[in-house]
Amino acid sequence: MIYVFKTSVDNSSKLELASALLHELLPESLWNFDLEDCDNILRVDSELDVTQLLLNNTIFECVELE
């Protein structure tokens, strides 16, 4: 399933921290950030339900988009 989130990841240092967290939390999932988008979109392709996992993280803010 593909999940799409609006995030607070808006620069390279935040991207590094978020990437480290995602590698740890979602080692079997594919994900990417679009920092060119005004909402700093994170897309996650995962068989897991990642919504609560990502909404409860302390590294960056995110809101699931429909």
PDB file of N, CA and C in Angstrom:
ATOM      1  N   MET A   1       0.856  -1.180   0.000  1.00  0.00           N
ATOM      2  CA  MET A   1       0.000   0.000   0.000  1.00  0.00           C
ATOM      3  C   MET A   1       0.896   1.236   0.000  1.00  0.00           C
ATOM      4  N   ILE A   2       0.414   2.288  -0.641  1.00  0.00           N
ATOM      5  CA  ILE A   2       1.173   3.540  -0.678  1.00  0.00           C
ATOM      6  C   ILE A   2       0.529   4.548   0.266  1.00  0.00           C
ATOM      7  N   TYR A   3       1.352   5.111   1.127  1.00  0.00           N
ATOM      8  CA  TYR A   3       0.928   6.131   2.079  1.00  0.00           C
ATOM      9  C   TYR A   3       1.602   7.440   1.691  1.00  0.00           C
ATOM     10  N   VAL A   4       0.871   8.564   1.862  1.00  0.00           N
ATOM     11  CA  VAL A   4       1.410   9.876   1.511  1.00  0.00           C
ATOM     12  C   VAL A   4       1.234  10.794   2.718  1.00  0.00           C
ATOM     13  N   PHE A   5       2.329  11.467   3.088  1.00  0.00           N
ATOM     14  CA  PHE A   5       2.325  12.332   4.262  1.00  0.00           C
ATOM     15  C   PHE A   5       2.879  13.711   3.923  1.00  0.00           C
ATOM     16  N   LYS A   6       2.283  14.728   4.514  1.00  0.00           N
ATOM     17  CA  LYS A   6       2.842  16.075   4.530  1.00  0.00           C
ATOM     18  C   LYS A   6       3.800  16.088   5.714  1.00  0.00           C
ATOM     19  N   THR A   7       5.025  16.625   5.537  1.00  0.00           N
ATOM     20  CA  THR A   7       6.010  16.562   6.624  1.00  0.00           C
ATOM     21  C   THR A   7       6.652  17.920   6.906  1.00  0.00           C
ATOM     22  N   SER A   8       7.393  17.948   7.988  1.00  0.00           N
ATOM     23  CA  SER A   8       8.176  19.133   8.360  1.00  0.00           C
ATOM     24  C   SER A   8       9.629  19.012   7.893  1.00  0.00           C
ATOM     25  N   VAL A   9       9.925  18.007   7.090  1.00  0.00           N
ATOM     26  CA  VAL A   9      11.290  17.790   6.586  1.00  0.00           C
ATOM     27  C   VAL A   9      11.508  18.745   5.415  1.00  0.00           C
ATOM     28  N   ASP A  10      12.223  19.846   5.684  1.00  0.00           N
ATOM     29  CA  ASP A  10      12.352  20.888   4.663  1.00  0.00           C
ATOM     30  C   ASP A  10      13.795  21.290   4.356  1.00  0.00           C
ATOM     31  N   ASN A  11      14.754  20.521   4.868  1.00  0.00           N
ATOM     32  CA  ASN A  11      16.155  20.809   4.543  1.00  0.00           C
ATOM     33  C   ASN A  11      16.991  19.535   4.679  1.00  0.00           C
ATOM     34  N   SER A  12      18.232  19.624   4.277  1.00  0.00           N
ATOM     35  CA  SER A  12      19.076  18.424   4.217  1.00  0.00           C
ATOM     36  C   SER A  12      19.379  17.834   5.593  1.00  0.00           C
ATOM     37  N   SER A  13      19.522  18.657   6.619  1.00  0.00           N
ATOM     38  CA  SER A  13      19.818  18.094   7.946  1.00  0.00           C
ATOM     39  C   SER A  13      18.610  17.338   8.503  1.00  0.00           C
ATOM     40  N   LYS A  14      17.404  17.865   8.292  1.00  0.00           N
ATOM     41  CA  LYS A  14      16.194  17.148   8.717  1.00  0.00           C
ATOM     42  C   LYS A  14      16.013  15.883   7.889  1.00  0.00           C
ATOM     43  N   LEU A  15      16.376  15.952   6.611  1.00  0.00           N
ATOM     44  CA  LEU A  15      16.273  14.784   5.742  1.00  0.00           C
ATOM     45  C   LEU A  15      17.186  13.665   6.225  1.00  0.00           C
ATOM     46  N   GLU A  16      18.386  14.000   6.649  1.00  0.00           N
ATOM     47  CA  GLU A  16      19.312  12.987   7.173  1.00  0.00           C
ATOM     48  C   GLU A  16      18.740  12.293   8.408  1.00  0.00           C
ATOM     49  N   LEU A  17      18.190  13.082   9.333  1.00  0.00           N
ATOM     50  CA  LEU A  17      17.598  12.505  10.548  1.00  0.00           C
ATOM     51  C   LEU A  17      16.387  11.635  10.219  1.00  0.00           C
ATOM     52  N   ALA A  18      15.527  12.142   9.344  1.00  0.00           N
ATOM     53  CA  ALA A  18      14.331  11.390   8.968  1.00  0.00           C
ATOM     54  C   ALA A  18      14.714  10.103   8.238  1.00  0.00           C
ATOM     55  N   SER A  19      15.704  10.168   7.385  1.00  0.00           N
ATOM     56  CA  SER A  19      16.146   8.994   6.639  1.00  0.00           C
ATOM     57  C   SER A  19      16.675   7.916   7.578  1.00  0.00           C
ATOM     58  N   ALA A  20      17.445   8.320   8.565  1.00  0.00           N
ATOM     59  CA  ALA A  20      17.969   7.356   9.540  1.00  0.00           C
ATOM     60  C   ALA A  20      16.818   6.670  10.281  1.00  0.00           C
ATOM     61  N   LEU A  21      15.829   7.453  10.681  1.00  0.00           N
ATOM     62  CA  LEU A  21      14.670   6.888  11.372  1.00  0.00           C
ATOM     63  C   LEU A  21      13.910   5.922  10.466  1.00  0.00           C
ATOM     64  N   LEU A  22      13.674   6.300   9.224  1.00  0.00           N
ATOM     65  CA  LEU A  22      12.916   5.460   8.310  1.00  0.00           C
ATOM     66  C   LEU A  22      13.666   4.168   7.986  1.00  0.00           C
ATOM     67  N   HIS A  23      14.984   4.251   7.858  1.00  0.00           N
ATOM     68  CA  HIS A  23      15.773   3.035   7.634  1.00  0.00           C
ATOM     69  C   HIS A  23      15.626   2.072   8.804  1.00  0.00           C
ATOM     70  N   GLU A  24      15.540   2.623  10.008  1.00  0.00           N
ATOM     71  CA  GLU A  24      15.410   1.797  11.213  1.00  0.00           C
ATOM     72  C   GLU A  24      13.995   1.240  11.364  1.00  0.00           C
ATOM     73  N   LEU A  25      12.981   2.103  11.176  1.00  0.00           N
ATOM     74  CA  LEU A  25      11.599   1.689  11.392  1.00  0.00           C
ATOM     75  C   LEU A  25      11.024   0.849  10.254  1.00  0.00           C
ATOM     76  N   LEU A  26      11.460   1.140   9.025  1.00  0.00           N
ATOM     77  CA  LEU A  26      10.851   0.510   7.853  1.00  0.00           C
ATOM     78  C   LEU A  26      11.902  -0.108   6.933  1.00  0.00           C
ATOM     79  N   PRO A  27      12.675  -1.061   7.424  1.00  0.00           N
ATOM     80  CA  PRO A  27      13.769  -1.602   6.616  1.00  0.00           C
ATOM     81  C   PRO A  27      13.311  -2.332   5.359  1.00  0.00           C
ATOM     82  N   GLU A  28      12.090  -2.832   5.345  1.00  0.00           N
ATOM     83  CA  GLU A  28      11.584  -3.589   4.191  1.00  0.00           C
ATOM     84  C   GLU A  28      10.713  -2.745   3.266  1.00  0.00           C
ATOM     85  N   SER A  29      10.556  -1.464   3.565  1.00  0.00           N
ATOM     86  CA  SER A  29       9.662  -0.594   2.791  1.00  0.00           C
ATOM     87  C   SER A  29      10.443   0.337   1.878  1.00  0.00           C
ATOM     88  N   LEU A  30       9.771   0.775   0.823  1.00  0.00           N
ATOM     89  CA  LEU A  30      10.334   1.795  -0.065  1.00  0.00           C
ATOM     90  C   LEU A  30       9.731   3.131   0.314  1.00  0.00           C
ATOM     91  N   TRP A  31      10.529   4.174   0.331  1.00  0.00           N
ATOM     92  CA  TRP A  31      10.025   5.498   0.682  1.00  0.00           C
ATOM     93  C   TRP A  31      10.883   6.560   0.002  1.00  0.00           C
ATOM     94  N   ASN A  32      10.299   7.756  -0.150  1.00  0.00           N
ATOM     95  CA  ASN A  32      11.056   8.890  -0.669  1.00  0.00           C
ATOM     96  C   ASN A  32      10.397  10.193  -0.238  1.00  0.00           C
ATOM     97  N   PHE A  33      11.196  11.230  -0.199  1.00  0.00           N
ATOM     98  CA  PHE A  33      10.728  12.572   0.114  1.00  0.00           C
ATOM     99  C   PHE A  33      10.733  13.406  -1.148  1.00  0.00           C
ATOM    100  N   ASP A  34       9.768  14.311  -1.269  1.00  0.00           N
ATOM    101  CA  ASP A  34       9.740  15.295  -2.343  1.00  0.00           C
ATOM    102  C   ASP A  34       9.815  16.669  -1.685  1.00  0.00           C
ATOM    103  N   LEU A  35      11.040  17.160  -1.502  1.00  0.00           N
ATOM    104  CA  LEU A  35      11.230  18.450  -0.840  1.00  0.00           C
ATOM    105  C   LEU A  35      10.957  19.612  -1.778  1.00  0.00           C
ATOM    106  N   GLU A  36      10.735  19.348  -3.049  1.00  0.00           N
ATOM    107  CA  GLU A  36      10.375  20.393  -4.011  1.00  0.00           C
ATOM    108  C   GLU A  36       8.888  20.728  -3.888  1.00  0.00           C
ATOM    109  N   ASP A  37       8.114  19.809  -3.332  1.00  0.00           N
ATOM    110  CA  ASP A  37       6.687  20.026  -3.121  1.00  0.00           C
ATOM    111  C   ASP A  37       6.501  20.944  -1.911  1.00  0.00           C
ATOM    112  N   CYS A  38       5.508  21.803  -1.958  1.00  0.00           N
ATOM    113  CA  CYS A  38       5.294  22.757  -0.856  1.00  0.00           C
ATOM    114  C   CYS A  38       4.956  22.058   0.462  1.00  0.00           C
ATOM    115  N   ASP A  39       4.487  20.809   0.399  1.00  0.00           N
ATOM    116  CA  ASP A  39       4.142  20.053   1.611  1.00  0.00           C
ATOM    117  C   ASP A  39       5.234  19.089   2.042  1.00  0.00           C
ATOM    118  N   ASN A  40       6.399  19.122   1.378  1.00  0.00           N
ATOM    119  CA  ASN A  40       7.520  18.245   1.724  1.00  0.00           C
ATOM    120  C   ASN A  40       7.046  16.798   1.870  1.00  0.00           C
ATOM    121  N   ILE A  41       6.495  16.290   0.806  1.00  0.00           N
ATOM    122  CA  ILE A  41       5.808  15.004   0.789  1.00  0.00           C
ATOM    123  C   ILE A  41       6.747  13.826   1.069  1.00  0.00           C
ATOM    124  N   LEU A  42       6.250  12.914   1.887  1.00  0.00           N
ATOM    125  CA  LEU A  42       6.880  11.618   2.102  1.00  0.00           C
ATOM    126  C   LEU A  42       5.927  10.573   1.553  1.00  0.00           C
ATOM    127  N   ARG A  43       6.421   9.732   0.646  1.00  0.00           N
ATOM    128  CA  ARG A  43       5.649   8.609   0.125  1.00  0.00           C
ATOM    129  C   ARG A  43       6.279   7.323   0.637  1.00  0.00           C
ATOM    130  N   VAL A  44       5.441   6.441   1.157  1.00  0.00           N
ATOM    131  CA  VAL A  44       5.917   5.164   1.682  1.00  0.00           C
ATOM    132  C   VAL A  44       5.132   4.043   1.008  1.00  0.00           C
ATOM    133  N   ASP A  45       5.862   3.087   0.451  1.00  0.00           N
ATOM    134  CA  ASP A  45       5.257   1.889  -0.123  1.00  0.00           C
ATOM    135  C   ASP A  45       5.601   0.743   0.824  1.00  0.00           C
ATOM    136  N   SER A  46       4.582   0.262   1.534  1.00  0.00           N
ATOM    137  CA  SER A  46       4.824  -0.742   2.565  1.00  0.00           C
ATOM    138  C   SER A  46       3.625  -1.659   2.715  1.00  0.00           C
ATOM    139  N   GLU A  47       3.912  -2.897   3.066  1.00  0.00           N
ATOM    140  CA  GLU A  47       2.840  -3.835   3.381  1.00  0.00           C
ATOM    141  C   GLU A  47       2.360  -3.643   4.818  1.00  0.00           C
ATOM    142  N   LEU A  48       3.133  -2.927   5.622  1.00  0.00           N
ATOM    143  CA  LEU A  48       2.754  -2.610   7.000  1.00  0.00           C
ATOM    144  C   LEU A  48       1.864  -1.378   7.020  1.00  0.00           C
ATOM    145  N   ASP A  49       1.054  -1.247   8.070  1.00  0.00           N
ATOM    146  CA  ASP A  49       0.306  -0.004   8.274  1.00  0.00           C
ATOM    147  C   ASP A  49       1.243   0.949   9.002  1.00  0.00           C
ATOM    148  N   VAL A  50       1.802   1.897   8.279  1.00  0.00           N
ATOM    149  CA  VAL A  50       2.843   2.766   8.823  1.00  0.00           C
ATOM    150  C   VAL A  50       2.311   4.057   9.426  1.00  0.00           C
ATOM    151  N   THR A  51       1.024   4.288   9.326  1.00  0.00           N
ATOM    152  CA  THR A  51       0.464   5.577   9.739  1.00  0.00           C
ATOM    153  C   THR A  51       0.782   5.910  11.193  1.00  0.00           C
ATOM    154  N   GLN A  52       0.386   5.072  12.130  1.00  0.00           N
ATOM    155  CA  GLN A  52       0.624   5.380  13.541  1.00  0.00           C
ATOM    156  C   GLN A  52       2.105   5.410  13.870  1.00  0.00           C
ATOM    157  N   LEU A  53       2.847   4.555  13.244  1.00  0.00           N
ATOM    158  CA  LEU A  53       4.287   4.511  13.456  1.00  0.00           C
ATOM    159  C   LEU A  53       4.925   5.856  13.109  1.00  0.00           C
ATOM    160  N   LEU A  54       4.524   6.429  11.988  1.00  0.00           N
ATOM    161  CA  LEU A  54       5.112   7.700  11.558  1.00  0.00           C
ATOM    162  C   LEU A  54       4.512   8.893  12.282  1.00  0.00           C
ATOM    163  N   LEU A  55       3.235   8.849  12.581  1.00  0.00           N
ATOM    164  CA  LEU A  55       2.610   9.981  13.275  1.00  0.00           C
ATOM    165  C   LEU A  55       3.138  10.136  14.696  1.00  0.00           C
ATOM    166  N   ASN A  56       3.625   9.053  15.281  1.00  0.00           N
ATOM    167  CA  ASN A  56       4.121   9.089  16.661  1.00  0.00           C
ATOM    168  C   ASN A  56       5.626   9.287  16.766  1.00  0.00           C
ATOM    169  N   ASN A  57       6.306   9.499  15.647  1.00  0.00           N
ATOM    170  CA  ASN A  57       7.762   9.671  15.718  1.00  0.00           C
ATOM    171  C   ASN A  57       8.101  11.039  16.310  1.00  0.00           C
ATOM    172  N   THR A  58       9.297  11.176  16.865  1.00  0.00           N
ATOM    173  CA  THR A  58       9.718  12.433  17.493  1.00  0.00           C
ATOM    174  C   THR A  58      10.762  13.177  16.671  1.00  0.00           C
ATOM    175  N   ILE A  59      11.079  12.676  15.481  1.00  0.00           N
ATOM    176  CA  ILE A  59      12.109  13.298  14.636  1.00  0.00           C
ATOM    177  C   ILE A  59      11.528  14.369  13.730  1.00  0.00           C
ATOM    178  N   PHE A  60      10.347  14.104  13.159  1.00  0.00           N
ATOM    179  CA  PHE A  60       9.720  15.079  12.261  1.00  0.00           C
ATOM    180  C   PHE A  60       8.201  14.971  12.369  1.00  0.00           C
ATOM    181  N   GLU A  61       7.541  16.069  12.047  1.00  0.00           N
ATOM    182  CA  GLU A  61       6.078  16.080  12.064  1.00  0.00           C
ATOM    183  C   GLU A  61       5.567  15.578  10.740  1.00  0.00           C
ATOM    184  N   CYS A  62       4.451  14.861  10.780  1.00  0.00           N
ATOM    185  CA  CYS A  62       3.823  14.444   9.530  1.00  0.00           C
ATOM    186  C   CYS A  62       2.328  14.278   9.734  1.00  0.00           C
ATOM    187  N   VAL A  63       1.624  14.470   8.626  1.00  0.00           N
ATOM    188  CA  VAL A  63       0.166  14.340   8.592  1.00  0.00           C
ATOM    189  C   VAL A  63      -0.168  13.513   7.363  1.00  0.00           C
ATOM    190  N   GLU A  64      -0.958  12.464   7.551  1.00  0.00           N
ATOM    191  CA  GLU A  64      -1.327  11.635   6.413  1.00  0.00           C
ATOM    192  C   GLU A  64      -2.281  12.383   5.502  1.00  0.00           C
ATOM    193  N   LEU A  65      -2.029  12.316   4.214  1.00  0.00           N
ATOM    194  CA  LEU A  65      -2.899  12.919   3.211  1.00  0.00           C
ATOM    195  C   LEU A  65      -3.753  11.839   2.570  1.00  0.00           C
ATOM    196  N   GLU A  66      -4.939  12.209   2.179  1.00  0.00           N
ATOM    197  CA  GLU A  66      -5.844  11.263   1.503  1.00  0.00           C
ATOM    198  C   GLU A  66      -5.508  11.162   0.046  1.00  0.00           C
TER     199      GLU A  66
END
